[in-house]
Amino acid sequence: MIEMGMAVALGKPTFLFRDDFRSVADTEEYPLNLMLFTGMPQAAALELHYYRSVEEIGAAEKALARWARG
């Protein structure tokens, strides 16, 4: 959690890969640990920074690929 907090404080982009199938809340509205969720971009931008599978990491339209391209 410290790493996420430092990245947010320094204005660095954050990306989250989650392959854990366990539920973290009683609602699908928050699919992540709430502490991580608060450090992620909000609304539609969240989907661009949130990865659910290894295959999705290389998706050209997602934020990590855009960031890597500069």
C-alpha atoms as a PDB file:
ATOM      1  CA  MET A   1       0.000   0.000   0.000  1.00  0.00           C
ATOM      2  CA  ILE A   2       2.910   2.349   0.641  1.00  0.00           C
ATOM      3  CA  GLU A   3       4.017   2.042  -2.975  1.00  0.00           C
ATOM      4  CA  MET A   4       0.554   3.050  -4.232  1.00  0.00           C
ATOM      5  CA  GLY A   5       0.434   6.002  -1.853  1.00  0.00           C
ATOM      6  CA  MET A   6       3.867   7.214  -2.948  1.00  0.00           C
ATOM      7  CA  ALA A   7       2.963   6.907  -6.634  1.00  0.00           C
ATOM      8  CA  VAL A   8      -0.227   8.910  -6.126  1.00  0.00           C
ATOM      9  CA  ALA A   9       1.584  11.538  -4.033  1.00  0.00           C
ATOM     10  CA  LEU A  10       4.257  11.927  -6.724  1.00  0.00           C
ATOM     11  CA  GLY A  11       1.674  12.141  -9.519  1.00  0.00           C
ATOM     12  CA  LYS A  12       2.843   8.881 -11.111  1.00  0.00           C
ATOM     13  CA  PRO A  13       0.429   6.752 -13.132  1.00  0.00           C
ATOM     14  CA  THR A  14      -0.873   3.655 -11.369  1.00  0.00           C
ATOM     15  CA  PHE A  15      -1.929   0.355 -12.923  1.00  0.00           C
ATOM     16  CA  LEU A  16      -3.526  -2.593 -11.186  1.00  0.00           C
ATOM     17  CA  PHE A  17      -3.407  -6.231 -12.239  1.00  0.00           C
ATOM     18  CA  ARG A  18      -5.837  -8.364 -10.274  1.00  0.00           C
ATOM     19  CA  ASP A  19      -6.047 -12.087 -10.920  1.00  0.00           C
ATOM     20  CA  ASP A  20      -7.534 -12.959  -7.530  1.00  0.00           C
ATOM     21  CA  PHE A  21     -11.031 -14.356  -8.035  1.00  0.00           C
ATOM     22  CA  ARG A  22     -12.065 -13.850  -4.403  1.00  0.00           C
ATOM     23  CA  SER A  23     -14.671 -11.226  -3.615  1.00  0.00           C
ATOM     24  CA  VAL A  24     -13.419  -8.211  -1.682  1.00  0.00           C
ATOM     25  CA  ALA A  25     -16.795  -6.565  -1.052  1.00  0.00           C
ATOM     26  CA  ASP A  26     -20.493  -7.319  -1.012  1.00  0.00           C
ATOM     27  CA  THR A  27     -20.906  -5.295  -4.194  1.00  0.00           C
ATOM     28  CA  GLU A  28     -19.490  -5.525  -7.713  1.00  0.00           C
ATOM     29  CA  GLU A  29     -19.259  -1.723  -7.753  1.00  0.00           C
ATOM     30  CA  TYR A  30     -15.919  -2.003  -5.924  1.00  0.00           C
ATOM     31  CA  PRO A  31     -14.042  -4.978  -7.425  1.00  0.00           C
ATOM     32  CA  LEU A  32     -10.789  -3.998  -5.689  1.00  0.00           C
ATOM     33  CA  ASN A  33      -9.488  -3.629  -2.187  1.00  0.00           C
ATOM     34  CA  LEU A  34     -10.850  -0.228  -1.158  1.00  0.00           C
ATOM     35  CA  MET A  35      -7.405   1.101  -0.201  1.00  0.00           C
ATOM     36  CA  LEU A  36      -6.156   0.324  -3.714  1.00  0.00           C
ATOM     37  CA  PHE A  37      -9.364   1.605  -5.272  1.00  0.00           C
ATOM     38  CA  THR A  38      -8.849   5.080  -3.796  1.00  0.00           C
ATOM     39  CA  GLY A  39      -5.446   5.373  -5.490  1.00  0.00           C
ATOM     40  CA  MET A  40      -6.747   4.449  -8.923  1.00  0.00           C
ATOM     41  CA  PRO A  41      -8.195   6.838 -11.513  1.00  0.00           C
ATOM     42  CA  GLN A  42     -11.941   7.240 -11.113  1.00  0.00           C
ATOM     43  CA  ALA A  43     -14.936   6.455 -13.344  1.00  0.00           C
ATOM     44  CA  ALA A  44     -14.248   5.488 -16.960  1.00  0.00           C
ATOM     45  CA  ALA A  45     -10.479   5.946 -16.569  1.00  0.00           C
ATOM     46  CA  LEU A  46     -10.421   3.117 -14.012  1.00  0.00           C
ATOM     47  CA  GLU A  47     -11.181   0.547 -16.716  1.00  0.00           C
ATOM     48  CA  LEU A  48      -8.114   1.701 -18.642  1.00  0.00           C
ATOM     49  CA  HIS A  49      -5.828   1.160 -15.619  1.00  0.00           C
ATOM     50  CA  TYR A  50      -7.384  -2.047 -14.230  1.00  0.00           C
ATOM     51  CA  TYR A  51      -6.306  -5.430 -15.650  1.00  0.00           C
ATOM     52  CA  ARG A  52      -8.168  -8.683 -15.019  1.00  0.00           C
ATOM     53  CA  SER A  53      -6.021 -11.098 -17.060  1.00  0.00           C
ATOM     54  CA  VAL A  54      -2.451 -11.510 -18.277  1.00  0.00           C
ATOM     55  CA  GLU A  55      -3.685 -11.180 -21.859  1.00  0.00           C
ATOM     56  CA  GLU A  56      -5.231  -7.810 -21.080  1.00  0.00           C
ATOM     57  CA  ILE A  57      -1.869  -6.337 -19.983  1.00  0.00           C
ATOM     58  CA  GLY A  58      -0.709  -6.021 -23.595  1.00  0.00           C
ATOM     59  CA  ALA A  59      -3.933  -4.420 -24.853  1.00  0.00           C
ATOM     60  CA  ALA A  60      -2.936  -1.407 -26.964  1.00  0.00           C
ATOM     61  CA  GLU A  61      -5.967   0.634 -25.909  1.00  0.00           C
ATOM     62  CA  LYS A  62      -5.279   0.257 -22.173  1.00  0.00           C
ATOM     63  CA  ALA A  63      -3.295   2.756 -20.071  1.00  0.00           C
ATOM     64  CA  LEU A  64      -0.119   0.699 -19.523  1.00  0.00           C
ATOM     65  CA  ALA A  65       0.538   0.326 -23.258  1.00  0.00           C
ATOM     66  CA  ARG A  66      -0.190   4.023 -23.832  1.00  0.00           C
ATOM     67  CA  TRP A  67       2.190   4.972 -21.013  1.00  0.00           C
ATOM     68  CA  ALA A  68       4.922   2.634 -22.343  1.00  0.00           C
ATOM     69  CA  ARG A  69       4.659   4.192 -25.807  1.00  0.00           C
ATOM     70  CA  GLY A  70       5.203   7.613 -24.240  1.00  0.00           C
END
